[in-house]
PDB file of N, CA and C in Angstrom:
ATOM      1  N   MET A   1       0.847  -1.173   0.000  1.00  0.00           N
ATOM      2  CA  MET A   1       0.000   0.000   0.000  1.00  0.00           C
ATOM      3  C   MET A   1       0.892   1.236   0.000  1.00  0.00           C
ATOM      4  N   ASP A   2       0.506   2.197  -0.790  1.00  0.00           N
ATOM      5  CA  ASP A   2       1.211   3.471  -0.849  1.00  0.00           C
ATOM      6  C   ASP A   2       0.499   4.478   0.042  1.00  0.00           C
ATOM      7  N   ILE A   3       1.268   5.195   0.795  1.00  0.00           N
ATOM      8  CA  ILE A   3       0.727   6.312   1.562  1.00  0.00           C
ATOM      9  C   ILE A   3       1.165   7.569   0.841  1.00  0.00           C
ATOM     10  N   THR A   4       0.253   8.482   0.684  1.00  0.00           N
ATOM     11  CA  THR A   4       0.515   9.688  -0.089  1.00  0.00           C
ATOM     12  C   THR A   4       1.831  10.349   0.302  1.00  0.00           C
ATOM     13  N   ASN A   5       2.444  10.983  -0.682  1.00  0.00           N
ATOM     14  CA  ASN A   5       3.653  11.755  -0.380  1.00  0.00           C
ATOM     15  C   ASN A   5       3.326  13.237  -0.260  1.00  0.00           C
ATOM     16  N   LYS A   6       2.025  13.561  -0.304  1.00  0.00           N
ATOM     17  CA  LYS A   6       1.607  14.939  -0.101  1.00  0.00           C
ATOM     18  C   LYS A   6       1.729  15.290   1.378  1.00  0.00           C
ATOM     19  N   LYS A   7       1.825  16.548   1.646  1.00  0.00           N
ATOM     20  CA  LYS A   7       1.871  16.980   3.030  1.00  0.00           C
ATOM     21  C   LYS A   7       0.445  16.989   3.582  1.00  0.00           C
ATOM     22  N   LEU A   8       0.200  16.159   4.575  1.00  0.00           N
ATOM     23  CA  LEU A   8      -1.114  16.055   5.181  1.00  0.00           C
ATOM     24  C   LEU A   8      -1.191  16.937   6.417  1.00  0.00           C
ATOM     25  N   THR A   9      -2.358  17.493   6.650  1.00  0.00           N
ATOM     26  CA  THR A   9      -2.568  18.257   7.874  1.00  0.00           C
ATOM     27  C   THR A   9      -2.622  17.299   9.055  1.00  0.00           C
ATOM     28  N   ASN A  10      -2.540  17.825  10.252  1.00  0.00           N
ATOM     29  CA  ASN A  10      -2.642  16.975  11.441  1.00  0.00           C
ATOM     30  C   ASN A  10      -3.961  16.219  11.470  1.00  0.00           C
ATOM     31  N   ASN A  11      -5.057  16.878  11.102  1.00  0.00           N
ATOM     32  CA  ASN A  11      -6.356  16.225  11.104  1.00  0.00           C
ATOM     33  C   ASN A  11      -6.425  15.119  10.053  1.00  0.00           C
ATOM     34  N   GLU A  12      -5.839  15.340   8.888  1.00  0.00           N
ATOM     35  CA  GLU A  12      -5.817  14.312   7.849  1.00  0.00           C
ATOM     36  C   GLU A  12      -4.977  13.113   8.281  1.00  0.00           C
ATOM     37  N   LEU A  13      -3.863  13.368   8.944  1.00  0.00           N
ATOM     38  CA  LEU A  13      -3.038  12.275   9.464  1.00  0.00           C
ATOM     39  C   LEU A  13      -3.780  11.475  10.528  1.00  0.00           C
ATOM     40  N   ARG A  14      -4.513  12.172  11.382  1.00  0.00           N
ATOM     41  CA  ARG A  14      -5.292  11.505  12.426  1.00  0.00           C
ATOM     42  C   ARG A  14      -6.348  10.605  11.785  1.00  0.00           C
ATOM     43  N   LYS A  15      -7.022  11.110  10.757  1.00  0.00           N
ATOM     44  CA  LYS A  15      -8.044  10.319  10.065  1.00  0.00           C
ATOM     45  C   LYS A  15      -7.417   9.136   9.329  1.00  0.00           C
ATOM     46  N   ALA A  16      -6.234   9.322   8.773  1.00  0.00           N
ATOM     47  CA  ALA A  16      -5.531   8.215   8.129  1.00  0.00           C
ATOM     48  C   ALA A  16      -5.269   7.106   9.153  1.00  0.00           C
ATOM     49  N   GLY A  17      -4.875   7.495  10.348  1.00  0.00           N
ATOM     50  CA  GLY A  17      -4.661   6.526  11.417  1.00  0.00           C
ATOM     51  C   GLY A  17      -5.944   5.791  11.783  1.00  0.00           C
ATOM     52  N   LEU A  18      -7.050   6.523  11.857  1.00  0.00           N
ATOM     53  CA  LEU A  18      -8.347   5.895  12.158  1.00  0.00           C
ATOM     54  C   LEU A  18      -8.734   4.888  11.075  1.00  0.00           C
ATOM     55  N   LEU A  19      -8.450   5.214   9.823  1.00  0.00           N
ATOM     56  CA  LEU A  19      -8.756   4.288   8.734  1.00  0.00           C
ATOM     57  C   LEU A  19      -7.920   3.007   8.841  1.00  0.00           C
ATOM     58  N   LEU A  20      -6.649   3.157   9.168  1.00  0.00           N
ATOM     59  CA  LEU A  20      -5.793   1.971   9.326  1.00  0.00           C
ATOM     60  C   LEU A  20      -6.243   1.115  10.509  1.00  0.00           C
ATOM     61  N   ILE A  21      -6.650   1.767  11.579  1.00  0.00           N
ATOM     62  CA  ILE A  21      -7.167   1.021  12.734  1.00  0.00           C
ATOM     63  C   ILE A  21      -8.427   0.265  12.347  1.00  0.00           C
ATOM     64  N   LYS A  22      -9.348   0.915  11.633  1.00  0.00           N
ATOM     65  CA  LYS A  22     -10.585   0.259  11.210  1.00  0.00           C
ATOM     66  C   LYS A  22     -10.284  -0.915  10.290  1.00  0.00           C
ATOM     67  N   ALA A  23      -9.368  -0.726   9.362  1.00  0.00           N
ATOM     68  CA  ALA A  23      -8.995  -1.817   8.457  1.00  0.00           C
ATOM     69  C   ALA A  23      -8.449  -3.003   9.253  1.00  0.00           C
ATOM     70  N   ALA A  24      -7.634  -2.734  10.248  1.00  0.00           N
ATOM     71  CA  ALA A  24      -7.078  -3.801  11.085  1.00  0.00           C
ATOM     72  C   ALA A  24      -8.176  -4.478  11.893  1.00  0.00           C
ATOM     73  N   GLU A  25      -9.095  -3.702  12.448  1.00  0.00           N
ATOM     74  CA  GLU A  25     -10.205  -4.276  13.213  1.00  0.00           C
ATOM     75  C   GLU A  25     -11.079  -5.177  12.350  1.00  0.00           C
ATOM     76  N   LEU A  26     -11.274  -4.784  11.089  1.00  0.00           N
ATOM     77  CA  LEU A  26     -12.067  -5.592  10.170  1.00  0.00           C
ATOM     78  C   LEU A  26     -11.316  -6.832   9.698  1.00  0.00           C
ATOM     79  N   GLY A  27      -9.998  -6.812   9.807  1.00  0.00           N
ATOM     80  CA  GLY A  27      -9.184  -7.924   9.331  1.00  0.00           C
ATOM     81  C   GLY A  27      -8.794  -7.795   7.870  1.00  0.00           C
ATOM     82  N   MET A  28      -8.814  -6.562   7.368  1.00  0.00           N
ATOM     83  CA  MET A  28      -8.426  -6.341   5.976  1.00  0.00           C
ATOM     84  C   MET A  28      -6.923  -6.519   5.816  1.00  0.00           C
ATOM     85  N   ASP A  29      -6.531  -7.059   4.674  1.00  0.00           N
ATOM     86  CA  ASP A  29      -5.116  -7.229   4.358  1.00  0.00           C
ATOM     87  C   ASP A  29      -4.634  -5.980   3.625  1.00  0.00           C
ATOM     88  N   CYS A  30      -3.759  -5.229   4.259  1.00  0.00           N
ATOM     89  CA  CYS A  30      -3.249  -3.976   3.680  1.00  0.00           C
ATOM     90  C   CYS A  30      -1.902  -4.158   2.994  1.00  0.00           C
ATOM     91  N   SER A  31      -1.472  -5.406   2.815  1.00  0.00           N
ATOM     92  CA  SER A  31      -0.134  -5.638   2.259  1.00  0.00           C
ATOM     93  C   SER A  31      -0.093  -5.570   0.738  1.00  0.00           C
ATOM     94  N   GLY A  32      -1.239  -5.599   0.082  1.00  0.00           N
ATOM     95  CA  GLY A  32      -1.277  -5.545  -1.373  1.00  0.00           C
ATOM     96  C   GLY A  32      -1.219  -4.111  -1.879  1.00  0.00           C
ATOM     97  N   TYR A  33      -1.534  -3.955  -3.150  1.00  0.00           N
ATOM     98  CA  TYR A  33      -1.512  -2.634  -3.768  1.00  0.00           C
ATOM     99  C   TYR A  33      -2.707  -1.819  -3.298  1.00  0.00           C
ATOM    100  N   GLY A  34      -2.456  -0.581  -2.931  1.00  0.00           N
ATOM    101  CA  GLY A  34      -3.524   0.301  -2.483  1.00  0.00           C
ATOM    102  C   GLY A  34      -2.987   1.695  -2.241  1.00  0.00           C
ATOM    103  N   GLN A  35      -3.862   2.550  -1.749  1.00  0.00           N
ATOM    104  CA  GLN A  35      -3.473   3.939  -1.525  1.00  0.00           C
ATOM    105  C   GLN A  35      -4.220   4.517  -0.340  1.00  0.00           C
ATOM    106  N   LEU A  36      -3.505   5.248   0.479  1.00  0.00           N
ATOM    107  CA  LEU A  36      -4.056   6.012   1.591  1.00  0.00           C
ATOM    108  C   LEU A  36      -3.764   7.472   1.272  1.00  0.00           C
ATOM    109  N   ASP A  37      -4.830   8.265   1.096  1.00  0.00           N
ATOM    110  CA  ASP A  37      -4.631   9.621   0.584  1.00  0.00           C
ATOM    111  C   ASP A  37      -5.820  10.494   0.959  1.00  0.00           C
ATOM    112  N   VAL A  38      -5.765  11.731   0.503  1.00  0.00           N
ATOM    113  CA  VAL A  38      -6.845  12.695   0.696  1.00  0.00           C
ATOM    114  C   VAL A  38      -7.379  13.088  -0.668  1.00  0.00           C
ATOM    115  N   ASN A  39      -8.694  13.122  -0.803  1.00  0.00           N
ATOM    116  CA  ASN A  39      -9.333  13.652  -1.999  1.00  0.00           C
ATOM    117  C   ASN A  39      -9.526  15.138  -1.731  1.00  0.00           C
ATOM    118  N   TYR A  40      -8.738  15.965  -2.403  1.00  0.00           N
ATOM    119  CA  TYR A  40      -8.789  17.405  -2.115  1.00  0.00           C
ATOM    120  C   TYR A  40     -10.042  18.075  -2.652  1.00  0.00           C
ATOM    121  N   ASN A  41     -10.781  17.401  -3.548  1.00  0.00           N
ATOM    122  CA  ASN A  41     -12.061  17.951  -4.000  1.00  0.00           C
ATOM    123  C   ASN A  41     -13.127  17.823  -2.919  1.00  0.00           C
ATOM    124  N   SER A  42     -13.159  16.681  -2.218  1.00  0.00           N
ATOM    125  CA  SER A  42     -14.185  16.443  -1.199  1.00  0.00           C
ATOM    126  C   SER A  42     -13.675  16.658   0.224  1.00  0.00           C
ATOM    127  N   GLY A  43     -12.380  16.555   0.426  1.00  0.00           N
ATOM    128  CA  GLY A  43     -11.817  16.613   1.769  1.00  0.00           C
ATOM    129  C   GLY A  43     -11.797  15.266   2.463  1.00  0.00           C
ATOM    130  N   ASN A  44     -12.298  14.227   1.793  1.00  0.00           N
ATOM    131  CA  ASN A  44     -12.315  12.888   2.382  1.00  0.00           C
ATOM    132  C   ASN A  44     -10.918  12.292   2.428  1.00  0.00           C
ATOM    133  N   VAL A  45     -10.619  11.628   3.534  1.00  0.00           N
ATOM    134  CA  VAL A  45      -9.405  10.825   3.649  1.00  0.00           C
ATOM    135  C   VAL A  45      -9.845   9.392   3.353  1.00  0.00           C
ATOM    136  N   TYR A  46      -9.124   8.705   2.468  1.00  0.00           N
ATOM    137  CA  TYR A  46      -9.593   7.389   2.052  1.00  0.00           C
ATOM    138  C   TYR A  46      -8.482   6.348   2.045  1.00  0.00           C
ATOM    139  N   LEU A  47      -8.921   5.096   2.163  1.00  0.00           N
ATOM    140  CA  LEU A  47      -8.044   3.941   2.064  1.00  0.00           C
ATOM    141  C   LEU A  47      -8.628   3.026   0.993  1.00  0.00           C
ATOM    142  N   TRP A  48      -7.954   2.966  -0.155  1.00  0.00           N
ATOM    143  CA  TRP A  48      -8.359   2.107  -1.259  1.00  0.00           C
ATOM    144  C   TRP A  48      -7.370   0.960  -1.358  1.00  0.00           C
ATOM    145  N   LEU A  49      -7.892  -0.262  -1.393  1.00  0.00           N
ATOM    146  CA  LEU A  49      -7.071  -1.460  -1.545  1.00  0.00           C
ATOM    147  C   LEU A  49      -7.634  -2.271  -2.702  1.00  0.00           C
ATOM    148  N   GLU A  50      -6.787  -2.631  -3.664  1.00  0.00           N
ATOM    149  CA  GLU A  50      -7.288  -3.289  -4.869  1.00  0.00           C
ATOM    150  C   GLU A  50      -7.898  -4.662  -4.600  1.00  0.00           C
ATOM    151  N   ASP A  51      -7.633  -5.252  -3.468  1.00  0.00           N
ATOM    152  CA  ASP A  51      -8.174  -6.570  -3.150  1.00  0.00           C
ATOM    153  C   ASP A  51      -9.620  -6.524  -2.669  1.00  0.00           C
ATOM    154  N   TYR A  52     -10.184  -5.323  -2.539  1.00  0.00           N
ATOM    155  CA  TYR A  52     -11.546  -5.170  -2.036  1.00  0.00           C
ATOM    156  C   TYR A  52     -12.355  -4.335  -3.024  1.00  0.00           C
ATOM    157  N   GLN A  53     -13.651  -4.612  -3.105  1.00  0.00           N
ATOM    158  CA  GLN A  53     -14.521  -3.910  -4.042  1.00  0.00           C
ATOM    159  C   GLN A  53     -15.094  -2.624  -3.455  1.00  0.00           C
ATOM    160  N   PHE A  54     -14.577  -2.198  -2.340  1.00  0.00           N
ATOM    161  CA  PHE A  54     -15.036  -0.966  -1.702  1.00  0.00           C
ATOM    162  C   PHE A  54     -13.835  -0.203  -1.174  1.00  0.00           C
ATOM    163  N   THR A  55     -14.058   1.068  -0.883  1.00  0.00           N
ATOM    164  CA  THR A  55     -13.030   1.942  -0.327  1.00  0.00           C
ATOM    165  C   THR A  55     -13.523   2.455   1.013  1.00  0.00           C
ATOM    166  N   LEU A  56     -12.645   2.480   2.002  1.00  0.00           N
ATOM    167  CA  LEU A  56     -12.987   3.080   3.292  1.00  0.00           C
ATOM    168  C   LEU A  56     -12.653   4.563   3.241  1.00  0.00           C
ATOM    169  N   TYR A  57     -13.478   5.377   3.889  1.00  0.00           N
ATOM    170  CA  TYR A  57     -13.171   6.807   3.929  1.00  0.00           C
ATOM    171  C   TYR A  57     -13.790   7.459   5.161  1.00  0.00           C
ATOM    172  N   ILE A  58     -13.252   8.618   5.487  1.00  0.00           N
ATOM    173  CA  ILE A  58     -13.786   9.486   6.533  1.00  0.00           C
ATOM    174  C   ILE A  58     -13.981  10.851   5.892  1.00  0.00           C
ATOM    175  N   SER A  59     -15.189  11.384   6.040  1.00  0.00           N
ATOM    176  CA  SER A  59     -15.483  12.675   5.409  1.00  0.00           C
ATOM    177  C   SER A  59     -14.872  13.823   6.203  1.00  0.00           C
ATOM    178  N   LEU A  60     -14.891  14.976   5.592  1.00  0.00           N
ATOM    179  CA  LEU A  60     -14.247  16.175   6.131  1.00  0.00           C
ATOM    180  C   LEU A  60     -14.683  16.512   7.555  1.00  0.00           C
ATOM    181  N   GLY A  61     -15.979  16.508   7.830  1.00  0.00           N
ATOM    182  CA  GLY A  61     -16.458  16.956   9.137  1.00  0.00           C
ATOM    183  C   GLY A  61     -16.829  15.851  10.089  1.00  0.00           C
ATOM    184  N   SER A  62     -16.201  14.680   9.977  1.00  0.00           N
ATOM    185  CA  SER A  62     -16.609  13.527  10.772  1.00  0.00           C
ATOM    186  C   SER A  62     -15.414  12.659  11.127  1.00  0.00           C
ATOM    187  N   ASP A  63     -15.630  11.754  12.047  1.00  0.00           N
ATOM    188  CA  ASP A  63     -14.644  10.711  12.337  1.00  0.00           C
ATOM    189  C   ASP A  63     -15.228   9.332  12.069  1.00  0.00           C
ATOM    190  N   SER A  64     -16.437   9.264  11.541  1.00  0.00           N
ATOM    191  CA  SER A  64     -17.072   7.987  11.223  1.00  0.00           C
ATOM    192  C   SER A  64     -16.458   7.406   9.955  1.00  0.00           C
ATOM    193  N   VAL A  65     -16.213   6.097   9.998  1.00  0.00           N
ATOM    194  CA  VAL A  65     -15.649   5.409   8.836  1.00  0.00           C
ATOM    195  C   VAL A  65     -16.795   4.839   8.004  1.00  0.00           C
ATOM    196  N   TRP A  66     -16.781   5.162   6.732  1.00  0.00           N
ATOM    197  CA  TRP A  66     -17.776   4.705   5.777  1.00  0.00           C
ATOM    198  C   TRP A  66     -17.088   3.867   4.708  1.00  0.00           C
ATOM    199  N   ALA A  67     -17.884   3.031   4.056  1.00  0.00           N
ATOM    200  CA  ALA A  67     -17.409   2.293   2.887  1.00  0.00           C
ATOM    201  C   ALA A  67     -18.171   2.826   1.683  1.00  0.00           C
ATOM    202  N   VAL A  68     -17.481   2.965   0.566  1.00  0.00           N
ATOM    203  CA  VAL A  68     -18.115   3.415  -0.667  1.00  0.00           C
ATOM    204  C   VAL A  68     -17.778   2.424  -1.775  1.00  0.00           C
ATOM    205  N   TRP A  69     -18.797   2.103  -2.561  1.00  0.00           N
ATOM    206  CA  TRP A  69     -18.637   1.262  -3.740  1.00  0.00           C
ATOM    207  C   TRP A  69     -18.905   2.130  -4.954  1.00  0.00           C
ATOM    208  N   SER A  70     -18.074   2.030  -5.967  1.00  0.00           N
ATOM    209  CA  SER A  70     -18.226   2.819  -7.184  1.00  0.00           C
ATOM    210  C   SER A  70     -18.592   1.911  -8.343  1.00  0.00           C
ATOM    211  N   ASN A  71     -19.686   2.257  -9.030  1.00  0.00           N
ATOM    212  CA  ASN A  71     -20.146   1.494 -10.179  1.00  0.00           C
ATOM    213  C   ASN A  71     -19.161   1.708 -11.331  1.00  0.00           C
ATOM    214  N   PRO A  72     -18.560   0.629 -11.845  1.00  0.00           N
ATOM    215  CA  PRO A  72     -17.580   0.784 -12.922  1.00  0.00           C
ATOM    216  C   PRO A  72     -18.203   1.169 -14.262  1.00  0.00           C
ATOM    217  N   TYR A  73     -19.521   1.070 -14.365  1.00  0.00           N
ATOM    218  CA  TYR A  73     -20.197   1.348 -15.638  1.00  0.00           C
ATOM    219  C   TYR A  73     -20.681   2.789 -15.749  1.00  0.00           C
ATOM    220  N   ASP A  74     -21.140   3.368 -14.640  1.00  0.00           N
ATOM    221  CA  ASP A  74     -21.673   4.733 -14.713  1.00  0.00           C
ATOM    222  C   ASP A  74     -21.124   5.679 -13.650  1.00  0.00           C
ATOM    223  N   GLY A  75     -20.221   5.188 -12.802  1.00  0.00           N
ATOM    224  CA  GLY A  75     -19.581   6.036 -11.803  1.00  0.00           C
ATOM    225  C   GLY A  75     -20.415   6.328 -10.567  1.00  0.00           C
ATOM    226  N   GLU A  76     -21.660   5.827 -10.522  1.00  0.00           N
ATOM    227  CA  GLU A  76     -22.502   6.047  -9.343  1.00  0.00           C
ATOM    228  C   GLU A  76     -21.831   5.453  -8.110  1.00  0.00           C
ATOM    229  N   GLU A  77     -21.924   6.176  -6.999  1.00  0.00           N
ATOM    230  CA  GLU A  77     -21.333   5.698  -5.755  1.00  0.00           C
ATOM    231  C   GLU A  77     -22.430   5.394  -4.743  1.00  0.00           C
ATOM    232  N   VAL A  78     -22.248   4.294  -4.018  1.00  0.00           N
ATOM    233  CA  VAL A  78     -23.167   3.884  -2.966  1.00  0.00           C
ATOM    234  C   VAL A  78     -22.345   3.760  -1.692  1.00  0.00           C
ATOM    235  N   GLU A  79     -22.864   4.319  -0.605  1.00  0.00           N
ATOM    236  CA  GLU A  79     -22.131   4.345   0.662  1.00  0.00           C
ATOM    237  C   GLU A  79     -22.866   3.557   1.737  1.00  0.00           C
ATOM    238  N   THR A  80     -22.106   3.068   2.696  1.00  0.00           N
ATOM    239  CA  THR A  80     -22.684   2.436   3.872  1.00  0.00           C
ATOM    240  C   THR A  80     -21.785   2.710   5.069  1.00  0.00           C
ATOM    241  N   ASP A  81     -22.401   2.880   6.213  1.00  0.00           N
ATOM    242  CA  ASP A  81     -21.665   3.068   7.455  1.00  0.00           C
ATOM    243  C   ASP A  81     -21.032   1.729   7.839  1.00  0.00           C
ATOM    244  N   THR A  82     -19.799   1.739   8.290  1.00  0.00           N
ATOM    245  CA  THR A  82     -19.125   0.496   8.652  1.00  0.00           C
ATOM    246  C   THR A  82     -19.382   0.096  10.104  1.00  0.00           C
ATOM    247  N   GLU A  83     -19.987   0.974  10.876  1.00  0.00           N
ATOM    248  CA  GLU A  83     -20.222   0.702  12.300  1.00  0.00           C
ATOM    249  C   GLU A  83     -21.019  -0.593  12.470  1.00  0.00           C
ATOM    250  N   GLY A  84     -20.458  -1.522  13.246  1.00  0.00           N
ATOM    251  CA  GLY A  84     -21.134  -2.774  13.547  1.00  0.00           C
ATOM    252  C   GLY A  84     -21.094  -3.806  12.439  1.00  0.00           C
ATOM    253  N   LYS A  85     -20.433  -3.508  11.334  1.00  0.00           N
ATOM    254  CA  LYS A  85     -20.372  -4.452  10.213  1.00  0.00           C
ATOM    255  C   LYS A  85     -19.051  -5.215  10.236  1.00  0.00           C
ATOM    256  N   THR A  86     -19.113  -6.437   9.761  1.00  0.00           N
ATOM    257  CA  THR A  86     -17.914  -7.262   9.623  1.00  0.00           C
ATOM    258  C   THR A  86     -17.351  -7.106   8.218  1.00  0.00           C
ATOM    259  N   LEU A  87     -16.140  -7.552   8.033  1.00  0.00           N
ATOM    260  CA  LEU A  87     -15.538  -7.527   6.703  1.00  0.00           C
ATOM    261  C   LEU A  87     -16.367  -8.362   5.740  1.00  0.00           C
ATOM    262  N   ASN A  88     -16.835  -9.510   6.186  1.00  0.00           N
ATOM    263  CA  ASN A  88     -17.652 -10.367   5.331  1.00  0.00           C
ATOM    264  C   ASN A  88     -18.927  -9.650   4.890  1.00  0.00           C
ATOM    265  N   GLU A  89     -19.571  -8.941   5.795  1.00  0.00           N
ATOM    266  CA  GLU A  89     -20.784  -8.199   5.451  1.00  0.00           C
ATOM    267  C   GLU A  89     -20.490  -7.103   4.427  1.00  0.00           C
ATOM    268  N   LEU A  90     -19.378  -6.400   4.598  1.00  0.00           N
ATOM    269  CA  LEU A  90     -19.008  -5.353   3.639  1.00  0.00           C
ATOM    270  C   LEU A  90     -18.671  -5.942   2.277  1.00  0.00           C
ATOM    271  N   GLU A  91     -17.989  -7.075   2.270  1.00  0.00           N
ATOM    272  CA  GLU A  91     -17.654  -7.719   0.997  1.00  0.00           C
ATOM    273  C   GLU A  91     -18.911  -8.215   0.291  1.00  0.00           C
ATOM    274  N   GLU A  92     -19.855  -8.776   1.043  1.00  0.00           N
ATOM    275  CA  GLU A  92     -21.109  -9.235   0.442  1.00  0.00           C
ATOM    276  C   GLU A  92     -21.919  -8.056  -0.100  1.00  0.00           C
ATOM    277  N   TRP A  93     -21.933  -6.938   0.619  1.00  0.00           N
ATOM    278  CA  TRP A  93     -22.620  -5.729   0.183  1.00  0.00           C
ATOM    279  C   TRP A  93     -22.053  -5.252  -1.157  1.00  0.00           C
ATOM    280  N   ALA A  94     -20.732  -5.149  -1.232  1.00  0.00           N
ATOM    281  CA  ALA A  94     -20.084  -4.668  -2.455  1.00  0.00           C
ATOM    282  C   ALA A  94     -20.253  -5.661  -3.603  1.00  0.00           C
ATOM    283  N   ALA A  95     -20.164  -6.951  -3.323  1.00  0.00           N
ATOM    284  CA  ALA A  95     -20.327  -7.969  -4.361  1.00  0.00           C
ATOM    285  C   ALA A  95     -21.747  -7.934  -4.933  1.00  0.00           C
ATOM    286  N   SER A  96     -22.727  -7.737  -4.067  1.00  0.00           N
ATOM    287  CA  SER A  96     -24.114  -7.647  -4.509  1.00  0.00           C
ATOM    288  C   SER A  96     -24.315  -6.444  -5.435  1.00  0.00           C
ATOM    289  N   LEU A  97     -23.755  -5.307  -5.053  1.00  0.00           N
ATOM    290  CA  LEU A  97     -23.843  -4.115  -5.901  1.00  0.00           C
ATOM    291  C   LEU A  97     -23.144  -4.328  -7.235  1.00  0.00           C
ATOM    292  N   SER A  98     -22.008  -5.011  -7.214  1.00  0.00           N
ATOM    293  CA  SER A  98     -21.274  -5.293  -8.453  1.00  0.00           C
ATOM    294  C   SER A  98     -22.078  -6.201  -9.370  1.00  0.00           C
ATOM    295  N   ASP A  99     -22.722  -7.212  -8.782  1.00  0.00           N
ATOM    296  CA  ASP A  99     -23.550  -8.115  -9.581  1.00  0.00           C
ATOM    297  C   ASP A  99     -24.719  -7.379 -10.217  1.00  0.00           C
ATOM    298  N   GLU A 100     -25.378  -6.518  -9.436  1.00  0.00           N
ATOM    299  CA  GLU A 100     -26.504  -5.726  -9.956  1.00  0.00           C
ATOM    300  C   GLU A 100     -26.054  -4.809 -11.096  1.00  0.00           C
ATOM    301  N   ALA A 101     -24.905  -4.185 -10.920  1.00  0.00           N
ATOM    302  CA  ALA A 101     -24.388  -3.274 -11.951  1.00  0.00           C
ATOM    303  C   ALA A 101     -24.055  -4.024 -13.232  1.00  0.00           C
ATOM    304  N   GLU A 102     -23.480  -5.199 -13.090  1.00  0.00           N
ATOM    305  CA  GLU A 102     -23.126  -5.993 -14.271  1.00  0.00           C
ATOM    306  C   GLU A 102     -24.383  -6.434 -15.028  1.00  0.00           C
ATOM    307  N   GLU A 103     -25.399  -6.877 -14.280  1.00  0.00           N
ATOM    308  CA  GLU A 103     -26.659  -7.283 -14.913  1.00  0.00           C
ATOM    309  C   GLU A 103     -27.315  -6.104 -15.625  1.00  0.00           C
ATOM    310  N   ALA A 104     -27.285  -4.945 -15.017  1.00  0.00           N
ATOM    311  CA  ALA A 104     -27.905  -3.751 -15.613  1.00  0.00           C
ATOM    312  C   ALA A 104     -27.178  -3.293 -16.868  1.00  0.00           C
ATOM    313  N   SER A 105     -25.896  -3.604 -16.971  1.00  0.00           N
ATOM    314  CA  SER A 105     -25.109  -3.148 -18.116  1.00  0.00           C
ATOM    315  C   SER A 105     -25.285  -4.039 -19.344  1.00  0.00           C
ATOM    316  N   GLU A 106     -25.857  -5.205 -19.152  1.00  0.00           N
ATOM    317  CA  GLU A 106     -25.997  -6.158 -20.277  1.00  0.00           C
ATOM    318  C   GLU A 106     -27.155  -5.819 -21.161  1.00  0.00           C
TER     319      GLU A 106
END
């Protein structure tokens, strides 16, 4: 996983730490290809890992960790709160959305 080489603010660094803690609590494998960075358009700090069909993020005015799935066909994004969810539940959620998107594209 690559961590951004941009200069992060203290708050962005704190949120990056929260994302890594959440990933560890969920049991996500962070050893593969991925990125921990800030989206300067939205202010979201995010953790994207290519081994998962969703991205974890924390929005600008919050400390809550959310998961977002992006439709590869039309770019639509669907979000869910990660509170109380297991990695398996998040993976099933994203897989279901991916299946629906693929069927709709045919």
